[in-house]
PDB file of N, CA and C in Angstrom:
ATOM      1  N   UNK A   1      28.607   1.319  85.716  1.00  0.00           N
ATOM      2  CA  UNK A   1      29.955   1.076  86.325  1.00  0.00           C
ATOM      3  C   UNK A   1      30.754   1.919  85.565  1.00  0.00           C
ATOM      4  N   UNK A   2      31.538   2.771  86.312  1.00  0.00           N
ATOM      5  CA  UNK A   2      32.548   3.527  85.700  1.00  0.00           C
ATOM      6  C   UNK A   2      33.974   2.799  86.024  1.00  0.00           C
ATOM      7  N   UNK A   3      34.711   2.750  84.859  1.00  0.00           N
ATOM      8  CA  UNK A   3      35.955   1.977  85.014  1.00  0.00           C
ATOM      9  C   UNK A   3      37.087   3.030  85.405  1.00  0.00           C
ATOM     10  N   UNK A   4      38.206   2.450  86.018  1.00  0.00           N
ATOM     11  CA  UNK A   4      39.353   3.401  86.366  1.00  0.00           C
ATOM     12  C   UNK A   4      40.030   3.626  85.021  1.00  0.00           C
ATOM     13  N   UNK A   5      40.401   4.970  84.787  1.00  0.00           N
ATOM     14  CA  UNK A   5      40.980   5.361  83.540  1.00  0.00           C
ATOM     15  C   UNK A   5      39.797   5.286  82.428  1.00  0.00           C
ATOM     16  N   UNK A   6      38.765   5.706  82.763  1.00  0.00           N
ATOM     17  CA  UNK A   6      37.588   5.758  81.977  1.00  0.00           C
ATOM     18  C   UNK A   6      37.632   6.382  80.586  1.00  0.00           C
ATOM     19  N   UNK A   7      37.348   5.940  79.576  1.00  0.00           N
ATOM     20  CA  UNK A   7      37.511   6.833  78.217  1.00  0.00           C
ATOM     21  C   UNK A   7      36.475   7.750  78.170  1.00  0.00           C
ATOM     22  N   UNK A   8      36.114   8.156  76.784  1.00  0.00           N
ATOM     23  CA  UNK A   8      35.273   9.337  76.439  1.00  0.00           C
ATOM     24  C   UNK A   8      33.787   8.837  76.838  1.00  0.00           C
ATOM     25  N   UNK A   9      33.383   7.729  77.097  1.00  0.00           N
ATOM     26  CA  UNK A   9      31.938   7.323  77.133  1.00  0.00           C
ATOM     27  C   UNK A   9      31.487   7.701  78.488  1.00  0.00           C
ATOM     28  N   UNK A  10      30.141   7.315  78.700  1.00  0.00           N
ATOM     29  CA  UNK A  10      29.477   7.649  80.028  1.00  0.00           C
ATOM     30  C   UNK A  10      29.624   6.366  80.968  1.00  0.00           C
ATOM     31  N   UNK A  11      30.457   5.527  80.723  1.00  0.00           N
ATOM     32  CA  UNK A  11      30.601   4.138  81.534  1.00  0.00           C
ATOM     33  C   UNK A  11      29.926   3.027  80.824  1.00  0.00           C
ATOM     34  N   UNK A  12      29.740   1.885  81.619  1.00  0.00           N
ATOM     35  CA  UNK A  12      29.072   0.666  81.191  1.00  0.00           C
ATOM     36  C   UNK A  12      27.672   0.461  81.937  1.00  0.00           C
ATOM     37  N   UNK A  13      26.616   0.127  81.319  1.00  0.00           N
ATOM     38  CA  UNK A  13      25.493   0.028  82.007  1.00  0.00           C
ATOM     39  C   UNK A  13      24.838  -1.435  81.588  1.00  0.00           C
ATOM     40  N   UNK A  14      24.211  -2.106  82.486  1.00  0.00           N
ATOM     41  CA  UNK A  14      23.753  -3.354  82.562  1.00  0.00           C
ATOM     42  C   UNK A  14      22.200  -3.301  82.751  1.00  0.00           C
ATOM     43  N   UNK A  15      21.397  -3.841  81.956  1.00  0.00           N
ATOM     44  CA  UNK A  15      19.958  -3.875  82.258  1.00  0.00           C
ATOM     45  C   UNK A  15      19.308  -5.247  81.757  1.00  0.00           C
ATOM     46  N   UNK A  16      18.414  -5.797  82.566  1.00  0.00           N
ATOM     47  CA  UNK A  16      17.664  -6.935  82.183  1.00  0.00           C
ATOM     48  C   UNK A  16      16.579  -6.516  81.136  1.00  0.00           C
ATOM     49  N   UNK A  17      16.527  -7.493  80.186  1.00  0.00           N
ATOM     50  CA  UNK A  17      15.614  -7.256  79.134  1.00  0.00           C
ATOM     51  C   UNK A  17      15.095  -8.625  78.658  1.00  0.00           C
ATOM     52  N   UNK A  18      14.111  -8.462  77.653  1.00  0.00           N
ATOM     53  CA  UNK A  18      13.559  -9.711  76.983  1.00  0.00           C
ATOM     54  C   UNK A  18      13.644  -9.656  75.642  1.00  0.00           C
ATOM     55  N   UNK A  19      14.202 -10.673  74.975  1.00  0.00           N
ATOM     56  CA  UNK A  19      14.228 -10.715  73.392  1.00  0.00           C
ATOM     57  C   UNK A  19      13.757 -12.133  73.094  1.00  0.00           C
ATOM     58  N   UNK A  20      12.966 -12.244  72.134  1.00  0.00           N
ATOM     59  CA  UNK A  20      12.555 -13.517  71.474  1.00  0.00           C
ATOM     60  C   UNK A  20      11.915 -14.458  72.714  1.00  0.00           C
ATOM     61  N   UNK A  21      11.262 -13.753  73.708  1.00  0.00           N
ATOM     62  CA  UNK A  21      10.621 -14.548  74.904  1.00  0.00           C
ATOM     63  C   UNK A  21      11.720 -15.116  75.844  1.00  0.00           C
ATOM     64  N   UNK A  22      12.949 -14.551  75.677  1.00  0.00           N
ATOM     65  CA  UNK A  22      14.032 -15.117  76.573  1.00  0.00           C
ATOM     66  C   UNK A  22      14.647 -13.971  77.393  1.00  0.00           C
ATOM     67  N   UNK A  23      14.810 -14.183  78.656  1.00  0.00           N
ATOM     68  CA  UNK A  23      15.456 -13.208  79.517  1.00  0.00           C
ATOM     69  C   UNK A  23      16.906 -13.165  79.052  1.00  0.00           C
ATOM     70  N   UNK A  24      17.319 -11.797  78.849  1.00  0.00           N
ATOM     71  CA  UNK A  24      18.769 -11.506  78.525  1.00  0.00           C
ATOM     72  C   UNK A  24      19.326 -10.363  79.427  1.00  0.00           C
ATOM     73  N   UNK A  25      20.500 -10.260  79.408  1.00  0.00           N
ATOM     74  CA  UNK A  25      21.270  -8.946  79.995  1.00  0.00           C
ATOM     75  C   UNK A  25      21.834  -8.209  78.665  1.00  0.00           C
ATOM     76  N   UNK A  26      21.335  -6.995  78.790  1.00  0.00           N
ATOM     77  CA  UNK A  26      21.807  -5.918  77.685  1.00  0.00           C
ATOM     78  C   UNK A  26      22.942  -5.070  78.315  1.00  0.00           C
ATOM     79  N   UNK A  27      24.098  -5.173  77.655  1.00  0.00           N
ATOM     80  CA  UNK A  27      25.258  -4.186  78.089  1.00  0.00           C
ATOM     81  C   UNK A  27      25.385  -3.141  77.289  1.00  0.00           C
ATOM     82  N   UNK A  28      25.280  -1.924  77.683  1.00  0.00           N
ATOM     83  CA  UNK A  28      25.515  -0.650  76.981  1.00  0.00           C
ATOM     84  C   UNK A  28      26.706   0.221  77.324  1.00  0.00           C
ATOM     85  N   UNK A  29      27.226   0.774  76.492  1.00  0.00           N
ATOM     86  CA  UNK A  29      28.351   1.692  76.613  1.00  0.00           C
ATOM     87  C   UNK A  29      28.482   2.916  75.939  1.00  0.00           C
ATOM     88  N   UNK A  30      29.213   3.772  76.252  1.00  0.00           N
ATOM     89  CA  UNK A  30      29.581   4.986  75.399  1.00  0.00           C
ATOM     90  C   UNK A  30      28.672   6.144  75.704  1.00  0.00           C
ATOM     91  N   UNK A  31      28.933   7.236  75.067  1.00  0.00           N
ATOM     92  CA  UNK A  31      28.265   8.418  75.160  1.00  0.00           C
ATOM     93  C   UNK A  31      26.919   8.367  74.768  1.00  0.00           C
ATOM     94  N   UNK A  32      26.425   7.580  73.847  1.00  0.00           N
ATOM     95  CA  UNK A  32      25.017   7.410  73.380  1.00  0.00           C
ATOM     96  C   UNK A  32      24.290   6.197  74.032  1.00  0.00           C
ATOM     97  N   UNK A  33      25.096   5.635  75.059  1.00  0.00           N
ATOM     98  CA  UNK A  33      24.561   4.377  75.722  1.00  0.00           C
ATOM     99  C   UNK A  33      24.145   3.335  74.688  1.00  0.00           C
ATOM    100  N   UNK A  34      25.152   2.993  73.655  1.00  0.00           N
ATOM    101  CA  UNK A  34      24.764   1.991  72.666  1.00  0.00           C
ATOM    102  C   UNK A  34      24.855   0.621  73.148  1.00  0.00           C
ATOM    103  N   UNK A  35      24.107  -0.281  72.597  1.00  0.00           N
ATOM    104  CA  UNK A  35      24.167  -1.627  73.040  1.00  0.00           C
ATOM    105  C   UNK A  35      25.499  -2.211  72.436  1.00  0.00           C
ATOM    106  N   UNK A  36      26.267  -2.762  73.345  1.00  0.00           N
ATOM    107  CA  UNK A  36      27.380  -3.514  73.182  1.00  0.00           C
ATOM    108  C   UNK A  36      27.273  -4.825  72.846  1.00  0.00           C
ATOM    109  N   UNK A  37      26.535  -5.527  73.751  1.00  0.00           N
ATOM    110  CA  UNK A  37      26.275  -6.946  73.565  1.00  0.00           C
ATOM    111  C   UNK A  37      24.911  -7.395  74.104  1.00  0.00           C
ATOM    112  N   UNK A  38      24.455  -8.342  73.963  1.00  0.00           N
ATOM    113  CA  UNK A  38      23.183  -9.195  74.607  1.00  0.00           C
ATOM    114  C   UNK A  38      23.666 -10.346  75.064  1.00  0.00           C
ATOM    115  N   UNK A  39      23.576 -10.756  76.361  1.00  0.00           N
ATOM    116  CA  UNK A  39      24.042 -11.994  77.100  1.00  0.00           C
ATOM    117  C   UNK A  39      22.932 -12.941  77.141  1.00  0.00           C
ATOM    118  N   UNK A  40      23.151 -14.099  76.876  1.00  0.00           N
ATOM    119  CA  UNK A  40      21.942 -15.144  76.789  1.00  0.00           C
ATOM    120  C   UNK A  40      22.255 -16.250  78.039  1.00  0.00           C
ATOM    121  N   UNK A  41      21.187 -16.853  78.139  1.00  0.00           N
ATOM    122  CA  UNK A  41      21.283 -17.963  79.252  1.00  0.00           C
ATOM    123  C   UNK A  41      22.178 -19.074  78.909  1.00  0.00           C
ATOM    124  N   UNK A  42      22.177 -19.277  77.539  1.00  0.00           N
ATOM    125  CA  UNK A  42      23.006 -20.631  77.185  1.00  0.00           C
ATOM    126  C   UNK A  42      23.800 -20.291  75.996  1.00  0.00           C
ATOM    127  N   UNK A  43      24.892 -21.027  75.847  1.00  0.00           N
ATOM    128  CA  UNK A  43      25.848 -20.887  74.647  1.00  0.00           C
ATOM    129  C   UNK A  43      24.931 -21.058  73.309  1.00  0.00           C
ATOM    130  N   UNK A  44      24.087 -22.022  73.342  1.00  0.00           N
ATOM    131  CA  UNK A  44      23.238 -22.281  72.126  1.00  0.00           C
ATOM    132  C   UNK A  44      22.538 -21.195  71.799  1.00  0.00           C
ATOM    133  N   UNK A  45      21.853 -20.395  72.590  1.00  0.00           N
ATOM    134  CA  UNK A  45      21.075 -19.159  72.235  1.00  0.00           C
ATOM    135  C   UNK A  45      22.085 -18.091  71.860  1.00  0.00           C
ATOM    136  N   UNK A  46      23.140 -17.885  72.495  1.00  0.00           N
ATOM    137  CA  UNK A  46      24.220 -16.998  72.085  1.00  0.00           C
ATOM    138  C   UNK A  46      24.668 -17.130  70.626  1.00  0.00           C
ATOM    139  N   UNK A  47      24.951 -18.436  70.346  1.00  0.00           N
ATOM    140  CA  UNK A  47      25.454 -18.789  68.990  1.00  0.00           C
ATOM    141  C   UNK A  47      24.399 -18.534  68.032  1.00  0.00           C
ATOM    142  N   UNK A  48      22.951 -18.723  68.378  1.00  0.00           N
ATOM    143  CA  UNK A  48      21.921 -18.668  67.552  1.00  0.00           C
ATOM    144  C   UNK A  48      21.696 -17.107  67.017  1.00  0.00           C
ATOM    145  N   UNK A  49      21.937 -16.236  68.147  1.00  0.00           N
ATOM    146  CA  UNK A  49      21.729 -14.801  67.824  1.00  0.00           C
ATOM    147  C   UNK A  49      22.918 -13.935  67.886  1.00  0.00           C
ATOM    148  N   UNK A  50      24.046 -14.440  67.592  1.00  0.00           N
ATOM    149  CA  UNK A  50      25.326 -13.736  67.639  1.00  0.00           C
ATOM    150  C   UNK A  50      25.414 -12.662  66.634  1.00  0.00           C
ATOM    151  N   UNK A  51      24.759 -12.605  65.561  1.00  0.00           N
ATOM    152  CA  UNK A  51      24.797 -11.486  64.715  1.00  0.00           C
ATOM    153  C   UNK A  51      23.427 -10.722  64.458  1.00  0.00           C
ATOM    154  N   UNK A  52      22.360 -11.117  65.437  1.00  0.00           N
ATOM    155  CA  UNK A  52      21.273 -10.388  65.316  1.00  0.00           C
ATOM    156  C   UNK A  52      21.202  -9.066  65.927  1.00  0.00           C
ATOM    157  N   UNK A  53      20.724  -7.997  65.197  1.00  0.00           N
ATOM    158  CA  UNK A  53      20.503  -6.693  65.743  1.00  0.00           C
ATOM    159  C   UNK A  53      19.040  -6.527  66.072  1.00  0.00           C
ATOM    160  N   UNK A  54      18.711  -6.400  67.345  1.00  0.00           N
ATOM    161  CA  UNK A  54      17.219  -6.299  67.627  1.00  0.00           C
ATOM    162  C   UNK A  54      16.689  -4.836  67.448  1.00  0.00           C
ATOM    163  N   UNK A  55      15.452  -4.642  67.006  1.00  0.00           N
ATOM    164  CA  UNK A  55      14.866  -3.624  66.617  1.00  0.00           C
ATOM    165  C   UNK A  55      14.607  -2.641  67.866  1.00  0.00           C
ATOM    166  N   UNK A  56      14.302  -3.188  69.047  1.00  0.00           N
ATOM    167  CA  UNK A  56      14.078  -2.407  70.227  1.00  0.00           C
ATOM    168  C   UNK A  56      15.311  -2.036  71.038  1.00  0.00           C
ATOM    169  N   UNK A  57      16.451  -2.163  70.510  1.00  0.00           N
ATOM    170  CA  UNK A  57      17.774  -1.732  71.198  1.00  0.00           C
ATOM    171  C   UNK A  57      18.381  -0.914  70.428  1.00  0.00           C
ATOM    172  N   UNK A  58      19.181   0.138  70.863  1.00  0.00           N
ATOM    173  CA  UNK A  58      19.832   1.116  70.224  1.00  0.00           C
ATOM    174  C   UNK A  58      21.408   0.899  69.850  1.00  0.00           C
ATOM    175  N   UNK A  59      21.804   0.802  68.567  1.00  0.00           N
ATOM    176  CA  UNK A  59      23.091   0.493  68.449  1.00  0.00           C
ATOM    177  C   UNK A  59      23.883   1.752  67.763  1.00  0.00           C
ATOM    178  N   UNK A  60      25.321   1.767  67.967  1.00  0.00           N
ATOM    179  CA  UNK A  60      25.989   2.906  67.464  1.00  0.00           C
ATOM    180  C   UNK A  60      25.719   3.122  66.099  1.00  0.00           C
ATOM    181  N   UNK A  61      25.679   2.041  65.322  1.00  0.00           N
ATOM    182  CA  UNK A  61      25.653   1.952  63.795  1.00  0.00           C
ATOM    183  C   UNK A  61      24.229   2.509  63.377  1.00  0.00           C
ATOM    184  N   UNK A  62      23.268   2.651  64.347  1.00  0.00           N
ATOM    185  CA  UNK A  62      21.870   3.202  64.009  1.00  0.00           C
ATOM    186  C   UNK A  62      21.870   4.590  63.758  1.00  0.00           C
ATOM    187  N   UNK A  63      23.088   5.229  64.147  1.00  0.00           N
ATOM    188  CA  UNK A  63      23.063   6.965  63.895  1.00  0.00           C
ATOM    189  C   UNK A  63      23.230   7.313  62.385  1.00  0.00           C
TER     190      UNK A  63
END
């Protein structure tokens, strides 16, 4: 998805994924398609994994 007045990145991308045997939606943004957030099916799962960085996802801080 490209936003109006898009910044320097390549847009926002959404992709279904699985983490810890749970279906999630990964949101990536920027020129490097870095993971911005992982959305969970419940507030409890989101709270449990809120600071977790998953090894199979690419984050800007990984560079």
